[in-house]
Amino acid sequence: MTTERFRLAEQSSTQATPDEPRRSSHGRDAAQRAGGGGRLLIIDDERMARANLARALERGGHESAQAGSGEEGLKLLAEQDIDVVITDIAMAGMNGMEVLKAVRSSKPDVEVIMVTGYPMIESAVEAMRLGAFHYLAKPYSLEEARILVARALEKRRLRQQVVQMRAQLEASGSVPEMVGASPAMCGLRQALMRLAPTDVAVLLQGETGTGKELAARTMHAQSQRARRRFLAINCGALSPELLESELFGHEQGAFSGAVRRKEGLFEAASGGTLLLDEIGEMPAGMQVKLLRVLQEQTLRRVGGTVDIPVDVRIIAATNRNLKEEVEAGRFRRDLYYRVAVVTQELPPLRSRVEDIPMLARFFLARLAEQGGAAPLDIDESALDALRLYPFPGNVRELANILERAAVFCPPGGSIGPSHLPPEVSEAVLHPSTTAPAAPSITGLRQADAAPAISVAPAQPASPVPPVPPAPQHEQGQDAPLVPLAEMEKQHILRALELAGDNRTLAADMLGISRSSLWRKLREYGV
């Protein structure tokens, strides 16, 4: 390319000096980038031509890198994040057509604009057939170049949005639905629907496996940000240095191994939602940096000096009680108020045992769909065992148990207690192990996770009147004792009578869990 054949509309204001070095505007205002700017790579063996074009395009809010040969350009392409390559066709050494083929092979999502003279217009048409976005025919105006670059950037961004939306759709297809008709689940769904249209910061608290990420995805899908990205990160799974880089990104050379600039999750989720999972595990130093970003709504990449505006909805999740963490000095109070404008508790599975049959059949149907087979059935005795199990791992553990049971159940069969893990099936297969070991169950509040009812030698603390003593034979000392099981059975029946057959109320009166009461009634055939 020669400068005589390269017409520049703004040559008087953009003329480069002979000793002007190659330049890059990596420090350009991020707001210009957000308004349509991109990262450009200009490859031309004529230094003056590429410098003038770079200066003109940078005035439009773009960033540029320059290379004097095809080989040098491909090296820069491998080291940097580039949106559009502008390359001359006629160059010494590797020509523009060879550059195009290399770019399409290594980075097919990068758009390529070819620069050619009218005598070589056939080559430009061939380049478009090979995947080039378009061509600039010399002599061209700077306005023509700006328009073509803007169109190439728009095409690239549209393609990226399609890829992101497809990834989200594929991800949402693998995420379990919010299955359950219990009062706890109905209340949770209503709360999430109220929170979804807002941008308020929500803290999801609940035990491991209760579906905190699913709840966050549900809010995102029902929000005005649904068309943008949903990203999640486990704040306790990375070292402080890696966590900072993942959240805020880094500049090239910021640390050993940072061979190219990288956007963080805050930038990648721009306009969308970012889930900070297990935020209670976040190191103290990172809490300070996160607080600044949330307050200022800007960030600086690691090793950077430019403040980058961010527009992200924050949803945090934890299995800890963050209020207690604040009081203990392990979590910053000011950050807590930023991420917990609204706190939503997620119920454990043991508090909604009525959802277990529905969840079980949902997971079995999904397993069958993944394996291309008919869904397995599950019998009532297996469901009884699942209802009695405390599920310390909650819904995630239920899915794991059923996946294991499906492996041992013959095709077309029905899952029974024998297909379940021993710790789950024990209460049904070996009910004798749950027999009481003391004369009374009153005054006892058995934990949901307990496999059997414990003893309570103290006086009854529940409102259930005591069972009248068995009649003695003429008050003699040799009167037979009433069996322990019969005394317990009569006491339970008396509680049910007073509660009007409401088992939940009867369990509360007896001071035991509903599952424990259910197990005892089944044991006594009631």
Protein backbone atom coordinates (compact mmCIF):
# COMPACT_ATOMS: atom_id res chain seq x y z
CA MET A 1 0.00 0.00 0.00
CA THR A 2 1.37 3.46 -0.90
CA THR A 3 0.35 6.76 0.66
CA GLU A 4 -0.26 8.30 -2.79
CA ARG A 5 -3.11 5.85 -3.35
CA PHE A 6 -4.43 6.08 0.20
CA ARG A 7 -6.79 9.10 0.44
CA LEU A 8 -7.51 10.32 3.98
CA ALA A 9 -10.26 12.82 4.58
CA GLU A 10 -8.57 14.04 7.75
CA GLN A 11 -4.95 13.72 6.65
CA SER A 12 -4.03 17.18 7.85
CA SER A 13 -5.07 16.41 11.43
CA THR A 14 -4.00 12.78 11.60
CA GLN A 15 -0.67 12.84 9.79
CA ALA A 16 1.89 10.74 11.70
CA THR A 17 5.46 11.84 12.08
CA PRO A 18 8.13 9.58 10.56
CA ASP A 19 9.39 8.48 13.94
CA GLU A 20 5.95 7.97 15.55
CA PRO A 21 5.85 4.54 17.24
CA ARG A 22 3.03 2.06 17.00
CA ARG A 23 0.42 3.03 19.57
CA SER A 24 -2.52 1.53 21.37
CA SER A 25 -5.27 3.32 23.31
CA HIS A 26 -5.85 0.76 26.02
CA GLY A 27 -6.49 3.58 28.47
CA ARG A 28 -9.42 5.06 26.51
CA ASP A 29 -12.59 5.91 28.39
CA ALA A 30 -14.66 2.79 29.05
CA ALA A 31 -17.87 4.71 28.41
CA GLN A 32 -16.81 5.14 24.76
CA ARG A 33 -16.24 1.39 24.55
CA ALA A 34 -19.71 0.78 25.96
CA GLY A 35 -21.14 3.08 23.30
CA GLY A 36 -19.85 0.96 20.42
CA GLY A 37 -16.05 0.95 20.60
CA GLY A 38 -14.10 -2.21 19.86
CA ARG A 39 -10.59 -3.62 19.84
CA LEU A 40 -9.07 -3.34 16.37
CA LEU A 41 -5.90 -4.83 14.85
CA ILE A 42 -4.58 -2.98 11.80
CA ILE A 43 -2.06 -4.92 9.67
CA ASP A 44 -0.24 -3.03 6.92
CA ASP A 45 3.40 -2.92 5.82
CA GLU A 46 3.05 0.82 5.11
CA ARG A 47 3.61 2.42 8.51
CA MET A 48 2.14 5.84 7.69
CA ALA A 49 -1.08 4.37 6.31
CA ARG A 50 -1.77 2.14 9.29
CA ALA A 51 -0.91 4.91 11.79
CA ASN A 52 -3.28 7.40 10.14
CA LEU A 53 -6.12 4.87 10.03
CA ALA A 54 -5.52 3.90 13.67
CA ARG A 55 -5.59 7.51 14.86
CA ALA A 56 -8.82 8.21 13.03
CA LEU A 57 -10.59 5.11 14.36
CA GLU A 58 -9.39 5.72 17.92
CA ARG A 59 -11.15 9.09 17.80
CA GLY A 60 -14.36 7.15 17.37
CA GLY A 61 -13.86 5.38 20.70
CA HIS A 62 -12.02 2.30 19.47
CA GLU A 63 -8.79 0.78 20.72
CA SER A 64 -6.19 -0.28 18.20
CA ALA A 65 -3.07 -2.37 17.86
CA GLN A 66 -0.83 -2.17 14.78
CA ALA A 67 1.40 -4.65 12.98
CA GLY A 68 3.77 -4.17 10.05
CA SER A 69 3.47 -7.73 8.72
CA GLY A 70 1.09 -10.64 8.67
CA GLU A 71 3.31 -12.66 10.96
CA GLU A 72 3.48 -9.86 13.54
CA GLY A 73 -0.27 -9.33 13.31
CA LEU A 74 -1.04 -13.00 14.05
CA LYS A 75 1.25 -12.86 17.06
CA LEU A 76 -0.64 -9.83 18.44
CA LEU A 77 -3.93 -11.57 17.70
CA ALA A 78 -2.87 -14.54 19.83
CA GLU A 79 -1.86 -12.29 22.73
CA GLN A 80 -4.77 -9.84 22.81
CA ASP A 81 -8.57 -9.85 22.70
CA ILE A 82 -9.39 -8.50 19.23
CA ASP A 83 -12.82 -7.80 17.76
CA VAL A 84 -11.95 -6.77 14.19
CA VAL A 85 -8.84 -7.23 12.02
CA ILE A 86 -8.20 -4.75 9.18
CA THR A 87 -5.51 -6.08 6.86
CA ASP A 88 -4.08 -5.04 3.55
CA ILE A 89 -4.07 -7.75 0.89
CA ALA A 90 -0.82 -6.85 -0.88
CA MET A 91 2.01 -7.17 1.64
CA ALA A 92 5.50 -8.55 1.52
CA GLY A 93 5.88 -11.96 3.13
CA MET A 94 2.51 -13.24 4.41
CA ASN A 95 -0.17 -11.51 2.36
CA GLY A 96 -3.67 -10.56 3.45
CA MET A 97 -5.32 -13.71 2.09
CA GLU A 98 -3.01 -15.87 4.18
CA VAL A 99 -3.75 -13.68 7.22
CA LEU A 100 -7.49 -14.16 6.61
CA LYS A 101 -7.19 -17.94 6.49
CA ALA A 102 -5.11 -17.97 9.68
CA VAL A 103 -7.61 -15.76 11.52
CA ARG A 104 -10.59 -17.86 10.40
CA SER A 105 -8.76 -20.96 11.61
CA SER A 106 -7.57 -19.70 15.00
CA LYS A 107 -10.31 -17.21 15.94
CA PRO A 108 -13.35 -17.68 13.72
CA ASP A 109 -15.46 -15.21 15.74
CA VAL A 110 -13.13 -12.29 14.86
CA GLU A 111 -14.34 -10.21 11.88
CA VAL A 112 -11.83 -9.42 9.11
CA ILE A 113 -11.95 -6.39 6.78
CA MET A 114 -9.71 -6.56 3.71
CA VAL A 115 -8.06 -3.46 2.20
CA THR A 116 -7.41 -3.60 -1.54
CA GLY A 117 -6.87 -1.44 -4.62
CA TYR A 118 -9.26 -1.52 -7.55
CA PRO A 119 -6.90 -3.65 -9.67
CA MET A 120 -7.26 -6.40 -7.01
CA ILE A 121 -11.03 -6.22 -6.46
CA GLU A 122 -11.40 -9.84 -7.54
CA SER A 123 -9.19 -10.86 -4.65
CA ALA A 124 -11.41 -8.95 -2.23
CA VAL A 125 -14.50 -10.77 -3.51
CA GLU A 126 -12.68 -14.08 -3.07
CA ALA A 127 -11.74 -13.04 0.46
CA MET A 128 -15.41 -12.47 1.32
CA ARG A 129 -16.20 -15.93 0.00
CA LEU A 130 -13.57 -17.27 2.40
CA GLY A 131 -15.16 -15.55 5.37
CA ALA A 132 -14.05 -11.90 5.37
CA PHE A 133 -16.67 -9.43 6.59
CA HIS A 134 -16.14 -6.90 3.78
CA TYR A 135 -13.44 -4.95 1.99
CA LEU A 136 -12.24 -1.37 1.70
CA ALA A 137 -11.30 -0.35 -1.83
CA LYS A 138 -8.57 2.27 -2.11
CA PRO A 139 -8.82 5.16 -2.12
CA TYR A 140 -11.38 5.31 0.67
CA SER A 141 -12.59 7.93 3.14
CA LEU A 142 -12.25 7.68 6.88
CA GLU A 143 -16.04 7.87 7.24
CA GLU A 144 -16.35 4.80 5.04
CA ALA A 145 -13.86 2.98 7.25
CA ARG A 146 -15.70 4.01 10.43
CA ILE A 147 -19.05 2.78 9.09
CA LEU A 148 -17.60 -0.55 8.00
CA VAL A 149 -15.91 -1.10 11.36
CA ALA A 150 -19.14 -0.26 13.22
CA ARG A 151 -21.05 -2.79 11.12
CA ALA A 152 -18.44 -5.47 11.72
CA LEU A 153 -18.57 -4.85 15.47
CA GLU A 154 -22.36 -5.00 15.47
CA LYS A 155 -22.31 -8.34 13.66
CA ARG A 156 -19.80 -9.72 16.17
CA ARG A 157 -21.84 -8.53 19.14
CA LEU A 158 -25.05 -9.99 17.75
CA ARG A 159 -23.31 -13.32 17.25
CA GLN A 160 -22.00 -13.24 20.82
CA GLN A 161 -25.49 -12.50 22.17
CA VAL A 162 -26.91 -15.45 20.25
CA VAL A 163 -24.20 -17.71 21.66
CA GLN A 164 -24.84 -16.44 25.19
CA MET A 165 -28.61 -16.88 24.90
CA ARG A 166 -28.19 -20.37 23.48
CA ALA A 167 -25.86 -21.26 26.36
CA GLN A 168 -28.40 -19.91 28.87
CA LEU A 169 -31.23 -21.86 27.26
CA GLU A 170 -29.15 -25.03 27.29
CA ALA A 171 -28.19 -24.40 30.91
CA SER A 172 -31.78 -23.69 31.93
CA GLY A 173 -32.84 -26.98 30.37
CA SER A 174 -30.54 -28.85 32.75
CA VAL A 175 -31.60 -26.92 35.85
CA PRO A 176 -34.36 -28.61 37.89
CA GLU A 177 -37.69 -26.85 38.01
CA MET A 178 -38.93 -25.50 41.33
CA VAL A 179 -40.89 -28.67 42.03
CA GLY A 180 -43.22 -28.84 44.99
CA ALA A 181 -46.72 -27.92 46.11
CA SER A 182 -46.08 -27.61 49.84
CA PRO A 183 -46.92 -24.34 51.61
CA ALA A 184 -43.20 -23.66 52.01
CA MET A 185 -42.56 -23.94 48.26
CA CYS A 186 -45.65 -21.94 47.32
CA GLY A 187 -44.52 -19.17 49.64
CA LEU A 188 -41.00 -19.24 48.20
CA ARG A 189 -42.24 -18.99 44.63
CA GLN A 190 -44.46 -16.03 45.50
CA ALA A 191 -41.56 -14.25 47.21
CA LEU A 192 -39.25 -14.79 44.22
CA MET A 193 -41.91 -13.47 41.83
CA ARG A 194 -42.19 -10.28 43.89
CA LEU A 195 -38.42 -9.83 44.00
CA ALA A 196 -37.69 -10.69 40.35
CA PRO A 197 -38.81 -7.43 38.64
CA THR A 198 -36.76 -5.30 41.03
CA ASP A 199 -33.03 -4.66 41.12
CA VAL A 200 -32.89 -4.99 44.89
CA ALA A 201 -29.94 -6.97 46.29
CA VAL A 202 -31.16 -10.32 47.61
CA LEU A 203 -29.42 -12.64 50.05
CA LEU A 204 -30.51 -16.27 49.74
CA GLN A 205 -29.89 -18.25 52.93
CA GLY A 206 -30.36 -21.97 53.25
CA GLU A 207 -28.65 -25.26 53.85
CA THR A 208 -26.47 -26.87 51.21
CA GLY A 209 -28.56 -28.43 48.48
CA THR A 210 -31.75 -26.42 49.03
CA GLY A 211 -31.56 -24.84 45.56
CA LYS A 212 -30.14 -21.37 46.13
CA GLU A 213 -28.72 -21.09 42.60
CA LEU A 214 -32.02 -22.33 41.17
CA ALA A 215 -33.83 -19.59 43.10
CA ALA A 216 -31.39 -17.00 41.74
CA ARG A 217 -31.87 -18.25 38.17
CA THR A 218 -35.63 -18.11 38.67
CA MET A 219 -35.46 -14.45 39.69
CA HIS A 220 -33.19 -13.65 36.73
CA ALA A 221 -35.48 -15.44 34.25
CA GLN A 222 -38.48 -13.43 35.47
CA SER A 223 -36.67 -10.09 35.53
CA GLN A 224 -36.11 -7.37 32.95
CA ARG A 225 -32.52 -8.61 32.71
CA ALA A 226 -33.55 -12.04 31.44
CA ARG A 227 -32.16 -11.37 27.95
CA ARG A 228 -28.70 -10.71 29.37
CA ARG A 229 -26.31 -13.11 31.04
CA PHE A 230 -26.64 -14.91 34.35
CA LEU A 231 -23.26 -15.81 35.82
CA ALA A 232 -22.35 -17.45 39.12
CA ILE A 233 -19.16 -17.85 41.11
CA ASN A 234 -18.38 -19.75 44.31
CA CYS A 235 -16.60 -17.20 46.50
CA GLY A 236 -15.12 -19.90 48.74
CA ALA A 237 -13.60 -22.05 46.00
CA LEU A 238 -10.81 -19.68 44.89
CA SER A 239 -7.83 -18.01 46.50
CA PRO A 240 -8.18 -14.25 47.11
CA GLU A 241 -5.91 -13.46 44.14
CA LEU A 242 -7.81 -15.68 41.71
CA LEU A 243 -11.16 -14.50 43.04
CA GLU A 244 -10.22 -10.86 42.43
CA SER A 245 -9.12 -11.64 38.87
CA GLU A 246 -12.29 -13.65 38.18
CA LEU A 247 -14.59 -10.93 39.51
CA PHE A 248 -12.85 -7.79 38.23
CA GLY A 249 -10.60 -9.04 35.40
CA HIS A 250 -6.97 -8.10 34.82
CA GLU A 251 -4.75 -6.25 32.39
CA GLN A 252 -2.04 -7.85 30.32
CA GLY A 253 1.11 -8.23 32.43
CA ALA A 254 -0.69 -7.54 35.71
CA PHE A 255 0.88 -10.66 37.19
CA SER A 256 2.84 -13.70 36.13
CA GLY A 257 0.81 -15.61 33.58
CA ALA A 258 -1.40 -12.68 32.57
CA VAL A 259 -0.45 -12.88 28.89
CA ARG A 260 -3.56 -11.05 27.75
CA ARG A 261 -6.19 -8.74 29.11
CA LYS A 262 -9.24 -10.48 30.58
CA GLU A 263 -12.70 -9.20 31.45
CA GLY A 264 -14.02 -10.18 34.86
CA LEU A 265 -17.45 -11.55 35.67
CA PHE A 266 -18.78 -8.10 36.56
CA GLU A 267 -18.04 -6.91 33.03
CA ALA A 268 -19.14 -10.14 31.38
CA ALA A 269 -22.50 -10.01 33.21
CA SER A 270 -23.10 -6.36 32.28
CA GLY A 271 -26.83 -5.72 32.15
CA GLY A 272 -27.51 -9.13 33.70
CA THR A 273 -27.25 -10.90 37.04
CA LEU A 274 -24.25 -12.11 39.04
CA LEU A 275 -24.68 -14.73 41.78
CA LEU A 276 -22.06 -14.56 44.52
CA ASP A 277 -22.48 -18.05 45.92
CA GLU A 278 -21.14 -18.86 49.39
CA ILE A 279 -20.41 -15.19 49.99
CA GLY A 280 -19.91 -16.00 53.66
CA GLU A 281 -16.64 -17.71 52.67
CA MET A 282 -15.22 -14.58 51.03
CA PRO A 283 -11.87 -13.48 52.55
CA ALA A 284 -11.85 -10.21 54.47
CA GLY A 285 -9.59 -8.45 51.97
CA MET A 286 -11.92 -9.26 49.09
CA GLN A 287 -14.91 -8.06 51.11
CA VAL A 288 -13.40 -4.56 51.12
CA LYS A 289 -12.83 -4.58 47.34
CA LEU A 290 -16.31 -5.93 46.62
CA LEU A 291 -17.87 -3.26 48.85
CA ARG A 292 -16.14 -0.52 46.87
CA VAL A 293 -17.42 -1.87 43.57
CA LEU A 294 -20.97 -2.10 44.90
CA GLN A 295 -20.84 1.41 46.34
CA GLU A 296 -19.22 3.13 43.36
CA GLN A 297 -20.67 0.88 40.65
CA THR A 298 -17.29 0.99 38.96
CA LEU A 299 -14.29 -1.32 39.03
CA ARG A 300 -10.65 -1.41 38.08
CA ARG A 301 -9.15 -4.50 36.57
CA VAL A 302 -6.16 -5.96 38.39
CA GLY A 303 -3.18 -3.94 37.21
CA GLY A 304 -5.42 -1.32 35.60
CA THR A 305 -5.91 2.41 36.20
CA VAL A 306 -9.21 3.05 34.43
CA ASP A 307 -12.54 3.05 36.30
CA ILE A 308 -14.99 0.88 34.36
CA PRO A 309 -18.73 1.38 35.01
CA VAL A 310 -20.71 -1.78 35.80
CA ASP A 311 -24.44 -2.47 35.68
CA VAL A 312 -25.05 -5.81 37.34
CA ARG A 313 -27.74 -7.08 39.69
CA ILE A 314 -26.17 -8.83 42.66
CA ILE A 315 -27.72 -11.91 44.27
CA ALA A 316 -25.73 -13.43 47.12
CA ALA A 317 -26.15 -16.89 48.64
CA THR A 318 -24.80 -18.60 51.73
CA ASN A 319 -25.43 -21.57 53.99
CA ARG A 320 -24.25 -19.52 56.96
CA ASN A 321 -26.16 -17.09 59.13
CA LEU A 322 -24.58 -13.84 57.95
CA LYS A 323 -25.96 -11.88 60.91
CA GLU A 324 -24.06 -14.19 63.23
CA GLU A 325 -20.97 -13.87 61.02
CA VAL A 326 -21.22 -10.08 61.31
CA GLU A 327 -21.52 -10.24 65.10
CA ALA A 328 -18.52 -12.59 65.22
CA GLY A 329 -16.48 -10.13 63.17
CA ARG A 330 -15.99 -12.49 60.23
CA PHE A 331 -18.14 -10.54 57.76
CA ARG A 332 -18.22 -6.79 57.25
CA ARG A 333 -21.35 -5.12 58.54
CA ASP A 334 -21.40 -2.49 55.76
CA LEU A 335 -21.10 -5.19 53.08
CA TYR A 336 -23.88 -7.16 54.75
CA TYR A 337 -26.24 -4.20 54.38
CA ARG A 338 -25.27 -3.93 50.70
CA VAL A 339 -25.95 -7.56 49.76
CA ALA A 340 -28.85 -8.28 52.13
CA VAL A 341 -31.40 -5.57 51.39
CA VAL A 342 -33.85 -8.49 51.33
CA THR A 343 -33.05 -11.86 52.91
CA GLN A 344 -34.92 -14.90 51.64
CA GLU A 345 -34.74 -18.23 53.47
CA LEU A 346 -34.95 -21.48 51.49
CA PRO A 347 -36.68 -24.33 53.31
CA PRO A 348 -34.83 -27.62 53.90
CA LEU A 349 -36.35 -30.74 52.37
CA ARG A 350 -37.23 -32.26 55.75
CA SER A 351 -39.61 -29.35 56.39
CA ARG A 352 -41.58 -30.14 53.23
CA VAL A 353 -41.69 -33.93 53.15
CA GLU A 354 -45.02 -33.77 51.26
CA ASP A 355 -43.00 -32.68 48.19
CA ILE A 356 -40.80 -35.80 48.20
CA PRO A 357 -43.06 -38.00 45.99
CA MET A 358 -43.36 -35.23 43.39
CA LEU A 359 -39.61 -34.55 43.47
CA ALA A 360 -38.80 -38.26 43.24
CA ARG A 361 -40.92 -38.77 40.13
CA PHE A 362 -39.53 -35.59 38.58
CA PHE A 363 -35.94 -36.77 39.01
CA LEU A 364 -36.75 -40.26 37.73
CA ALA A 365 -38.41 -38.78 34.64
CA ARG A 366 -35.38 -36.60 34.01
CA LEU A 367 -33.02 -39.56 34.38
CA ALA A 368 -35.10 -41.53 31.88
CA GLU A 369 -35.05 -38.63 29.43
CA GLN A 370 -31.29 -38.36 29.66
CA GLY A 371 -30.86 -42.09 29.16
CA GLY A 372 -33.52 -42.44 26.48
CA ALA A 373 -35.54 -45.00 28.43
CA ALA A 374 -38.98 -45.24 30.03
CA PRO A 375 -39.19 -43.68 33.51
CA LEU A 376 -38.82 -46.01 36.47
CA ASP A 377 -41.61 -46.24 39.01
CA ILE A 378 -41.15 -45.97 42.79
CA ASP A 379 -43.32 -47.87 45.27
CA GLU A 380 -44.92 -46.51 48.42
CA SER A 381 -42.57 -48.31 50.79
CA ALA A 382 -39.60 -46.59 49.15
CA LEU A 383 -41.39 -43.25 49.39
CA ASP A 384 -42.08 -43.98 53.07
CA ALA A 385 -38.36 -44.53 53.62
CA LEU A 386 -37.57 -41.26 51.85
CA ARG A 387 -40.11 -39.40 53.95
CA LEU A 388 -38.48 -40.68 57.15
CA TYR A 389 -34.94 -39.84 56.07
CA PRO A 390 -33.69 -36.43 57.35
CA PHE A 391 -31.84 -35.44 54.11
CA PRO A 392 -28.87 -33.46 55.42
CA GLY A 393 -27.99 -32.81 51.74
CA ASN A 394 -31.56 -31.74 50.91
CA VAL A 395 -32.87 -31.85 47.31
CA ARG A 396 -29.41 -32.39 45.86
CA GLU A 397 -29.01 -35.50 48.02
CA LEU A 398 -32.44 -36.78 46.96
CA ALA A 399 -31.42 -36.50 43.30
CA ASN A 400 -28.20 -38.38 44.07
CA ILE A 401 -30.05 -41.15 45.95
CA LEU A 402 -32.50 -41.69 43.11
CA GLU A 403 -29.75 -41.73 40.49
CA ARG A 404 -28.00 -44.45 42.50
CA ALA A 405 -31.25 -46.39 42.95
CA ALA A 406 -31.93 -46.25 39.20
CA VAL A 407 -28.61 -47.99 38.56
CA PHE A 408 -29.58 -50.99 40.71
CA CYS A 409 -33.22 -51.16 39.63
CA PRO A 410 -33.89 -53.38 36.56
CA PRO A 411 -35.26 -51.60 33.44
CA GLY A 412 -39.00 -51.14 33.61
CA GLY A 413 -39.04 -52.03 37.30
CA SER A 414 -40.08 -50.15 40.38
CA ILE A 415 -37.67 -48.70 42.92
CA GLY A 416 -38.18 -50.24 46.35
CA PRO A 417 -36.45 -49.88 49.72
CA SER A 418 -33.84 -52.47 48.75
CA HIS A 419 -32.59 -50.16 45.97
CA LEU A 420 -32.00 -47.28 48.37
CA PRO A 421 -28.85 -46.73 50.44
CA PRO A 422 -28.87 -48.56 53.80
CA GLU A 423 -29.08 -45.35 55.82
CA VAL A 424 -32.29 -44.48 53.95
CA SER A 425 -34.01 -47.88 53.83
CA GLU A 426 -33.18 -48.98 57.40
CA ALA A 427 -36.31 -47.53 59.02
CA VAL A 428 -38.55 -49.46 56.60
CA LEU A 429 -36.59 -52.69 56.16
CA HIS A 430 -35.70 -53.01 59.87
CA PRO A 431 -38.46 -51.30 61.87
CA SER A 432 -37.46 -53.13 65.06
CA THR A 433 -34.38 -50.95 65.28
CA THR A 434 -36.63 -47.99 65.93
CA ALA A 435 -38.34 -49.45 69.02
CA PRO A 436 -38.31 -47.16 72.09
CA ALA A 437 -36.01 -47.84 74.98
CA ALA A 438 -37.95 -46.14 77.79
CA PRO A 439 -41.50 -46.01 79.19
CA SER A 440 -42.37 -42.52 77.97
CA ILE A 441 -41.96 -40.35 74.88
CA THR A 442 -43.41 -37.20 76.39
CA GLY A 443 -41.29 -34.21 77.25
CA LEU A 444 -38.99 -35.06 74.32
CA ARG A 445 -38.25 -32.98 71.24
CA GLN A 446 -36.55 -35.39 68.88
CA ALA A 447 -34.48 -33.85 66.06
CA ASP A 448 -35.69 -34.44 62.53
CA ALA A 449 -32.53 -36.33 61.73
CA ALA A 450 -32.99 -38.93 64.47
CA PRO A 451 -33.71 -42.48 63.28
CA ALA A 452 -35.65 -43.38 66.40
CA ILE A 453 -37.34 -41.88 69.44
CA SER A 454 -35.12 -41.36 72.45
CA VAL A 455 -35.97 -41.77 76.13
CA ALA A 456 -37.14 -39.02 78.45
CA PRO A 457 -37.23 -40.14 82.08
CA ALA A 458 -38.42 -36.76 83.34
CA GLN A 459 -42.09 -35.88 84.00
CA PRO A 460 -44.21 -35.15 80.90
CA ALA A 461 -43.85 -31.59 79.61
CA SER A 462 -46.57 -31.78 76.94
CA PRO A 463 -50.22 -30.90 77.44
CA VAL A 464 -51.32 -34.50 76.81
CA PRO A 465 -52.99 -35.92 79.96
CA PRO A 466 -51.18 -39.01 81.20
CA VAL A 467 -52.61 -42.43 80.41
CA PRO A 468 -54.52 -43.78 83.45
CA PRO A 469 -52.62 -46.55 85.22
CA ALA A 470 -53.65 -50.10 84.42
CA PRO A 471 -56.04 -51.63 87.03
CA GLN A 472 -54.37 -53.72 89.70
CA HIS A 473 -55.70 -57.07 90.87
CA GLU A 474 -57.32 -56.04 94.12
CA GLN A 475 -54.36 -53.70 94.69
CA GLY A 476 -52.15 -56.74 95.04
CA GLN A 477 -48.43 -56.60 94.65
CA ASP A 478 -48.41 -59.36 92.03
CA ALA A 479 -50.49 -57.47 89.40
CA PRO A 480 -49.04 -57.85 85.89
CA LEU A 481 -47.31 -54.81 84.32
CA VAL A 482 -48.68 -53.22 81.13
CA PRO A 483 -46.23 -53.75 78.22
CA LEU A 484 -44.12 -50.71 77.40
CA ALA A 485 -45.21 -50.64 73.75
CA GLU A 486 -48.88 -50.70 74.77
CA MET A 487 -48.39 -47.75 77.12
CA GLU A 488 -46.68 -45.78 74.37
CA LYS A 489 -49.38 -46.68 71.85
CA GLN A 490 -52.17 -45.58 74.19
CA HIS A 491 -50.37 -42.33 74.91
CA ILE A 492 -50.02 -41.57 71.17
CA LEU A 493 -53.66 -42.44 70.52
CA ARG A 494 -54.72 -40.16 73.35
CA ALA A 495 -52.70 -37.31 71.81
CA LEU A 496 -54.32 -37.90 68.40
CA GLU A 497 -57.76 -37.87 69.99
CA LEU A 498 -57.09 -34.54 71.70
CA ALA A 499 -55.65 -33.10 68.47
CA GLY A 500 -58.68 -34.16 66.43
CA ASP A 501 -56.54 -36.55 64.36
CA ASN A 502 -54.28 -33.66 63.28
CA ARG A 503 -50.91 -35.42 63.23
CA THR A 504 -48.86 -32.24 63.08
CA LEU A 505 -50.60 -30.90 66.18
CA ALA A 506 -50.34 -34.26 67.92
CA ALA A 507 -46.59 -34.37 67.24
CA ASP A 508 -46.19 -30.90 68.74
CA MET A 509 -48.18 -31.94 71.80
CA LEU A 510 -45.98 -35.00 72.25
CA GLY A 511 -42.82 -32.97 71.71
CA ILE A 512 -41.61 -35.09 68.77
CA SER A 513 -41.25 -34.52 65.04
CA ARG A 514 -44.04 -35.31 62.61
CA SER A 515 -41.89 -37.95 60.89
CA SER A 516 -41.20 -39.62 64.24
CA LEU A 517 -44.93 -39.73 64.98
CA TRP A 518 -45.64 -41.13 61.53
CA ARG A 519 -43.03 -43.84 62.08
CA LYS A 520 -44.50 -44.86 65.45
CA LEU A 521 -48.04 -45.04 64.05
CA ARG A 522 -46.84 -47.27 61.24
CA GLU A 523 -44.98 -49.46 63.73
CA TYR A 524 -48.15 -49.95 65.80
CA GLY A 525 -50.35 -50.47 62.75
CA VAL A 526 -52.45 -47.38 63.42
